[in-house]
């Protein structure tokens, strides 16, 4: 249970960090969505730019079977390396946005 709480805190810390990065439009809000009961975590853009509706996922993490799955990374940053720096073991990080075949060639978990 301690590892699960550590992983939840690490994800939430990353989401808070990226919530403030890249916010250049005053009418676009970056919202953190936390579902700690089912372990789904997202950072989304919500708002308007001129007459255009803006809504989209920037980051999406899940915790499944004791591992952090990076489901979506809409940034240029290496989130897996940042998780490792926060104390998450490489074997507990899955690059879910990559195909299962490609994951075997990374230094992170396959599933």
N, C-alpha and C. Protein backbone atom coordinates (compact mmCIF):
# COMPACT_ATOMS: atom_id res chain seq x y z
N UNK A 1 0.82 -1.20 0.00
CA UNK A 1 0.00 0.00 0.00
C UNK A 1 0.87 1.26 0.00
N UNK A 2 2.02 1.20 0.63
CA UNK A 2 2.91 2.37 0.68
C UNK A 2 3.41 2.73 -0.72
N UNK A 3 3.71 1.70 -1.52
CA UNK A 3 4.17 1.94 -2.89
C UNK A 3 3.06 2.60 -3.71
N UNK A 4 1.84 2.14 -3.55
CA UNK A 4 0.72 2.72 -4.28
C UNK A 4 0.55 4.20 -3.93
N UNK A 5 0.63 4.54 -2.66
CA UNK A 5 0.52 5.94 -2.24
C UNK A 5 1.68 6.77 -2.79
N UNK A 6 2.88 6.20 -2.80
CA UNK A 6 4.04 6.90 -3.37
C UNK A 6 3.81 7.19 -4.85
N UNK A 7 3.29 6.21 -5.58
CA UNK A 7 3.06 6.39 -7.01
C UNK A 7 1.96 7.41 -7.27
N UNK A 8 0.93 7.41 -6.46
CA UNK A 8 -0.13 8.41 -6.59
C UNK A 8 0.43 9.82 -6.37
N UNK A 9 1.27 9.97 -5.35
CA UNK A 9 1.87 11.28 -5.06
C UNK A 9 2.79 11.73 -6.21
N UNK A 10 3.56 10.81 -6.76
CA UNK A 10 4.46 11.14 -7.86
C UNK A 10 3.68 11.63 -9.08
N UNK A 11 2.61 10.94 -9.41
CA UNK A 11 1.78 11.34 -10.55
C UNK A 11 1.17 12.71 -10.29
N UNK A 12 0.62 12.90 -9.11
CA UNK A 12 -0.02 14.18 -8.79
C UNK A 12 1.00 15.32 -8.82
N UNK A 13 2.21 15.06 -8.39
CA UNK A 13 3.26 16.08 -8.43
C UNK A 13 3.57 16.47 -9.87
N UNK A 14 3.69 15.48 -10.75
CA UNK A 14 3.94 15.78 -12.16
C UNK A 14 2.79 16.57 -12.77
N UNK A 15 1.56 16.17 -12.48
CA UNK A 15 0.41 16.89 -13.02
C UNK A 15 0.41 18.34 -12.57
N UNK A 16 0.71 18.60 -11.32
CA UNK A 16 0.75 19.97 -10.81
C UNK A 16 1.85 20.77 -11.48
N UNK A 17 2.98 20.14 -11.72
CA UNK A 17 4.09 20.82 -12.40
C UNK A 17 3.69 21.22 -13.81
N UNK A 18 3.11 20.29 -14.55
CA UNK A 18 2.76 20.55 -15.94
C UNK A 18 1.50 21.39 -16.09
N UNK A 19 0.74 21.52 -15.04
CA UNK A 19 -0.45 22.37 -15.10
C UNK A 19 -0.05 23.82 -15.36
N UNK A 20 1.07 24.24 -14.81
CA UNK A 20 1.50 25.63 -14.97
C UNK A 20 2.36 25.85 -16.21
N UNK A 21 2.93 24.80 -16.77
CA UNK A 21 3.75 24.94 -17.97
C UNK A 21 2.88 25.07 -19.22
N UNK A 22 3.29 25.91 -20.12
CA UNK A 22 2.60 26.02 -21.41
C UNK A 22 1.26 26.72 -21.35
N UNK A 23 0.91 27.32 -20.24
CA UNK A 23 -0.37 28.02 -20.14
C UNK A 23 -0.17 29.44 -20.66
N UNK A 24 -0.50 29.65 -21.92
CA UNK A 24 -0.28 30.96 -22.52
C UNK A 24 -1.58 31.69 -22.87
N UNK A 25 -2.68 30.97 -22.92
CA UNK A 25 -3.96 31.56 -23.28
C UNK A 25 -4.80 31.80 -22.03
N UNK A 26 -5.24 33.04 -21.80
CA UNK A 26 -5.99 33.33 -20.57
C UNK A 26 -7.35 32.64 -20.50
N UNK A 27 -7.96 32.29 -21.64
CA UNK A 27 -9.28 31.68 -21.63
C UNK A 27 -9.24 30.16 -21.69
N UNK A 28 -8.05 29.60 -21.53
CA UNK A 28 -7.89 28.14 -21.53
C UNK A 28 -7.38 27.72 -20.16
N UNK A 29 -8.13 26.85 -19.52
CA UNK A 29 -7.80 26.37 -18.19
C UNK A 29 -7.17 24.99 -18.30
N UNK A 30 -6.14 24.75 -17.52
CA UNK A 30 -5.55 23.42 -17.43
C UNK A 30 -6.09 22.79 -16.15
N UNK A 31 -6.87 21.74 -16.32
CA UNK A 31 -7.52 21.09 -15.18
C UNK A 31 -6.88 19.74 -14.89
N UNK A 32 -6.67 19.49 -13.61
CA UNK A 32 -6.19 18.19 -13.16
C UNK A 32 -7.41 17.36 -12.76
N UNK A 33 -7.49 16.17 -13.30
CA UNK A 33 -8.58 15.25 -12.99
C UNK A 33 -7.98 14.06 -12.25
N UNK A 34 -8.44 13.85 -11.02
CA UNK A 34 -7.92 12.77 -10.18
C UNK A 34 -9.03 11.80 -9.82
N UNK A 35 -8.84 10.56 -10.17
CA UNK A 35 -9.75 9.50 -9.75
C UNK A 35 -8.90 8.52 -8.94
N UNK A 36 -8.75 8.80 -7.66
CA UNK A 36 -7.89 7.97 -6.82
C UNK A 36 -8.55 6.65 -6.44
N UNK A 37 -9.85 6.55 -6.63
CA UNK A 37 -10.54 5.28 -6.36
C UNK A 37 -10.20 4.25 -7.43
N UNK A 38 -10.15 4.69 -8.68
CA UNK A 38 -9.86 3.78 -9.80
C UNK A 38 -8.47 4.01 -10.39
N UNK A 39 -7.74 4.97 -9.84
CA UNK A 39 -6.36 5.30 -10.24
C UNK A 39 -6.24 5.72 -11.70
N UNK A 40 -7.02 6.74 -12.06
CA UNK A 40 -6.92 7.40 -13.36
C UNK A 40 -6.59 8.87 -13.08
N UNK A 41 -5.62 9.41 -13.83
CA UNK A 41 -5.14 10.76 -13.58
C UNK A 41 -4.89 11.45 -14.92
N UNK A 42 -5.45 12.67 -15.06
CA UNK A 42 -5.29 13.40 -16.32
C UNK A 42 -5.05 14.88 -16.08
N UNK A 43 -4.42 15.49 -17.08
CA UNK A 43 -4.32 16.93 -17.18
C UNK A 43 -4.95 17.28 -18.53
N UNK A 44 -5.97 18.13 -18.51
CA UNK A 44 -6.69 18.48 -19.74
C UNK A 44 -6.75 19.99 -19.91
N UNK A 45 -6.78 20.42 -21.16
CA UNK A 45 -7.03 21.82 -21.51
C UNK A 45 -8.52 21.98 -21.77
N UNK A 46 -9.11 23.04 -21.18
CA UNK A 46 -10.52 23.32 -21.36
C UNK A 46 -10.70 24.83 -21.51
N UNK A 47 -11.40 25.24 -22.57
CA UNK A 47 -11.67 26.66 -22.71
C UNK A 47 -11.97 27.05 -24.14
N UNK A 48 -11.69 28.31 -24.44
CA UNK A 48 -11.96 28.88 -25.76
C UNK A 48 -10.77 29.69 -26.23
N UNK A 49 -10.51 29.63 -27.52
CA UNK A 49 -9.52 30.49 -28.17
C UNK A 49 -10.23 31.14 -29.34
N UNK A 50 -10.48 32.46 -29.21
CA UNK A 50 -11.34 33.18 -30.16
C UNK A 50 -12.71 32.50 -30.15
N UNK A 51 -13.17 31.99 -31.29
CA UNK A 51 -14.47 31.32 -31.34
C UNK A 51 -14.31 29.80 -31.41
N UNK A 52 -13.16 29.31 -31.08
CA UNK A 52 -12.88 27.88 -31.20
C UNK A 52 -12.83 27.23 -29.82
N UNK A 53 -13.55 26.15 -29.65
CA UNK A 53 -13.57 25.39 -28.41
C UNK A 53 -12.28 24.60 -28.29
N UNK A 54 -11.67 24.67 -27.14
CA UNK A 54 -10.44 23.93 -26.85
C UNK A 54 -10.75 22.90 -25.77
N UNK A 55 -10.50 21.65 -26.08
CA UNK A 55 -10.62 20.59 -25.09
C UNK A 55 -9.69 19.47 -25.53
N UNK A 56 -8.81 19.07 -24.64
CA UNK A 56 -7.93 17.96 -25.01
C UNK A 56 -7.06 17.51 -23.86
N UNK A 57 -6.75 16.26 -23.91
CA UNK A 57 -5.91 15.63 -22.91
C UNK A 57 -4.44 15.97 -23.18
N UNK A 58 -3.75 16.46 -22.15
CA UNK A 58 -2.32 16.73 -22.24
C UNK A 58 -1.54 15.54 -21.70
N UNK A 59 -1.95 15.06 -20.52
CA UNK A 59 -1.29 13.92 -19.88
C UNK A 59 -2.34 12.96 -19.34
N UNK A 60 -2.04 11.67 -19.41
CA UNK A 60 -2.95 10.66 -18.86
C UNK A 60 -2.10 9.54 -18.27
N UNK A 61 -2.31 9.30 -17.00
CA UNK A 61 -1.65 8.20 -16.28
C UNK A 61 -2.71 7.30 -15.68
N UNK A 62 -2.42 6.01 -15.60
CA UNK A 62 -3.22 5.06 -14.85
C UNK A 62 -2.27 4.26 -13.96
N UNK A 63 -2.78 3.74 -12.88
CA UNK A 63 -2.04 2.77 -12.09
C UNK A 63 -2.82 1.46 -12.21
N UNK A 64 -2.15 0.44 -12.75
CA UNK A 64 -2.77 -0.87 -12.95
C UNK A 64 -1.80 -1.94 -12.46
N UNK A 65 -2.27 -2.82 -11.63
CA UNK A 65 -1.46 -3.94 -11.13
C UNK A 65 -0.12 -3.48 -10.57
N UNK A 66 -0.14 -2.36 -9.84
CA UNK A 66 1.06 -1.87 -9.19
C UNK A 66 2.04 -1.14 -10.08
N UNK A 67 1.63 -0.86 -11.32
CA UNK A 67 2.52 -0.17 -12.25
C UNK A 67 1.85 1.12 -12.75
N UNK A 68 2.69 2.11 -13.01
CA UNK A 68 2.20 3.35 -13.60
C UNK A 68 2.23 3.20 -15.12
N UNK A 69 1.07 3.39 -15.72
CA UNK A 69 0.94 3.37 -17.18
C UNK A 69 0.86 4.81 -17.66
N UNK A 70 1.78 5.21 -18.52
CA UNK A 70 1.70 6.51 -19.17
C UNK A 70 0.88 6.27 -20.44
N UNK A 71 -0.40 6.63 -20.38
CA UNK A 71 -1.32 6.35 -21.49
C UNK A 71 -1.21 7.40 -22.60
N UNK A 72 -0.91 8.64 -22.20
CA UNK A 72 -0.79 9.71 -23.20
C UNK A 72 0.18 10.75 -22.68
N UNK A 73 1.07 11.19 -23.55
CA UNK A 73 2.01 12.27 -23.23
C UNK A 73 1.95 13.27 -24.37
N UNK A 74 1.22 14.36 -24.16
CA UNK A 74 1.10 15.39 -25.17
C UNK A 74 2.15 16.48 -25.02
N UNK A 75 3.26 16.16 -24.38
CA UNK A 75 4.36 17.10 -24.21
C UNK A 75 5.60 16.54 -24.89
N UNK A 76 6.64 17.33 -24.88
CA UNK A 76 7.91 16.88 -25.43
C UNK A 76 8.84 16.34 -24.35
N UNK A 77 8.35 16.28 -23.12
CA UNK A 77 9.17 15.88 -21.99
C UNK A 77 9.12 14.36 -21.77
N UNK A 78 10.17 13.82 -21.19
CA UNK A 78 10.29 12.39 -20.93
C UNK A 78 9.75 12.10 -19.53
N UNK A 79 8.45 11.87 -19.48
CA UNK A 79 7.77 11.69 -18.20
C UNK A 79 8.26 10.45 -17.45
N UNK A 80 8.60 9.41 -18.17
CA UNK A 80 9.07 8.19 -17.51
C UNK A 80 10.35 8.48 -16.72
N UNK A 81 11.25 9.25 -17.32
CA UNK A 81 12.49 9.61 -16.62
C UNK A 81 12.19 10.48 -15.40
N UNK A 82 11.20 11.34 -15.51
CA UNK A 82 10.82 12.18 -14.38
C UNK A 82 10.23 11.34 -13.25
N UNK A 83 9.46 10.31 -13.61
CA UNK A 83 8.93 9.40 -12.59
C UNK A 83 10.06 8.65 -11.89
N UNK A 84 11.06 8.23 -12.65
CA UNK A 84 12.22 7.54 -12.05
C UNK A 84 12.92 8.48 -11.06
N UNK A 85 13.07 9.74 -11.44
CA UNK A 85 13.70 10.72 -10.55
C UNK A 85 12.89 10.93 -9.27
N UNK A 86 11.59 10.65 -9.34
CA UNK A 86 10.72 10.76 -8.16
C UNK A 86 10.65 9.46 -7.36
N UNK A 87 11.46 8.48 -7.73
CA UNK A 87 11.55 7.25 -6.95
C UNK A 87 10.76 6.07 -7.47
N UNK A 88 10.19 6.18 -8.67
CA UNK A 88 9.44 5.06 -9.26
C UNK A 88 10.43 4.14 -9.98
N UNK A 89 10.33 2.86 -9.72
CA UNK A 89 11.22 1.88 -10.36
C UNK A 89 10.89 1.76 -11.85
N UNK A 90 11.92 1.63 -12.67
CA UNK A 90 11.71 1.51 -14.13
C UNK A 90 10.81 0.32 -14.47
N UNK A 91 10.93 -0.76 -13.73
CA UNK A 91 10.11 -1.94 -14.02
C UNK A 91 8.65 -1.73 -13.63
N UNK A 92 8.34 -0.60 -12.99
CA UNK A 92 6.96 -0.28 -12.63
C UNK A 92 6.37 0.85 -13.50
N UNK A 93 7.03 1.14 -14.62
CA UNK A 93 6.55 2.16 -15.55
C UNK A 93 6.30 1.50 -16.89
N UNK A 94 5.10 1.67 -17.42
CA UNK A 94 4.73 1.12 -18.72
C UNK A 94 4.43 2.29 -19.67
N UNK A 95 5.06 2.28 -20.82
CA UNK A 95 4.80 3.30 -21.83
C UNK A 95 3.60 2.85 -22.64
N UNK A 96 2.42 3.08 -22.09
CA UNK A 96 1.18 2.59 -22.68
C UNK A 96 0.86 3.18 -24.03
N UNK A 97 1.45 4.32 -24.36
CA UNK A 97 1.22 4.96 -25.65
C UNK A 97 2.03 4.30 -26.77
N UNK A 98 2.93 3.40 -26.42
CA UNK A 98 3.68 2.65 -27.42
C UNK A 98 3.07 1.26 -27.58
N UNK A 99 3.22 0.69 -28.76
CA UNK A 99 2.68 -0.65 -28.98
C UNK A 99 3.39 -1.66 -28.08
N UNK A 100 2.69 -2.73 -27.70
CA UNK A 100 3.33 -3.75 -26.87
C UNK A 100 4.62 -4.30 -27.49
N UNK A 101 4.66 -4.39 -28.80
CA UNK A 101 5.86 -4.88 -29.47
C UNK A 101 7.04 -3.94 -29.23
N UNK A 102 6.84 -2.64 -29.33
CA UNK A 102 7.94 -1.68 -29.16
C UNK A 102 8.40 -1.56 -27.72
N UNK A 103 7.52 -1.84 -26.78
CA UNK A 103 7.87 -1.69 -25.36
C UNK A 103 9.03 -2.59 -24.95
N UNK A 104 9.17 -3.73 -25.60
CA UNK A 104 10.24 -4.65 -25.23
C UNK A 104 11.63 -4.08 -25.49
N UNK A 105 11.70 -3.05 -26.33
CA UNK A 105 12.98 -2.46 -26.67
C UNK A 105 13.31 -1.23 -25.81
N UNK A 106 12.47 -0.94 -24.84
CA UNK A 106 12.73 0.17 -23.93
C UNK A 106 13.32 -0.38 -22.63
N UNK A 107 13.73 0.53 -21.77
CA UNK A 107 14.25 0.11 -20.47
C UNK A 107 13.16 0.05 -19.41
N UNK A 108 11.90 0.16 -19.86
CA UNK A 108 10.77 0.17 -18.94
C UNK A 108 9.96 -1.11 -19.10
N UNK A 109 8.92 -1.26 -18.29
CA UNK A 109 8.12 -2.48 -18.28
C UNK A 109 7.36 -2.66 -19.60
N UNK A 110 7.10 -3.90 -19.95
CA UNK A 110 6.34 -4.22 -21.16
C UNK A 110 4.84 -4.12 -20.87
N UNK A 111 4.44 -4.59 -19.70
CA UNK A 111 3.03 -4.48 -19.28
C UNK A 111 2.92 -4.76 -17.80
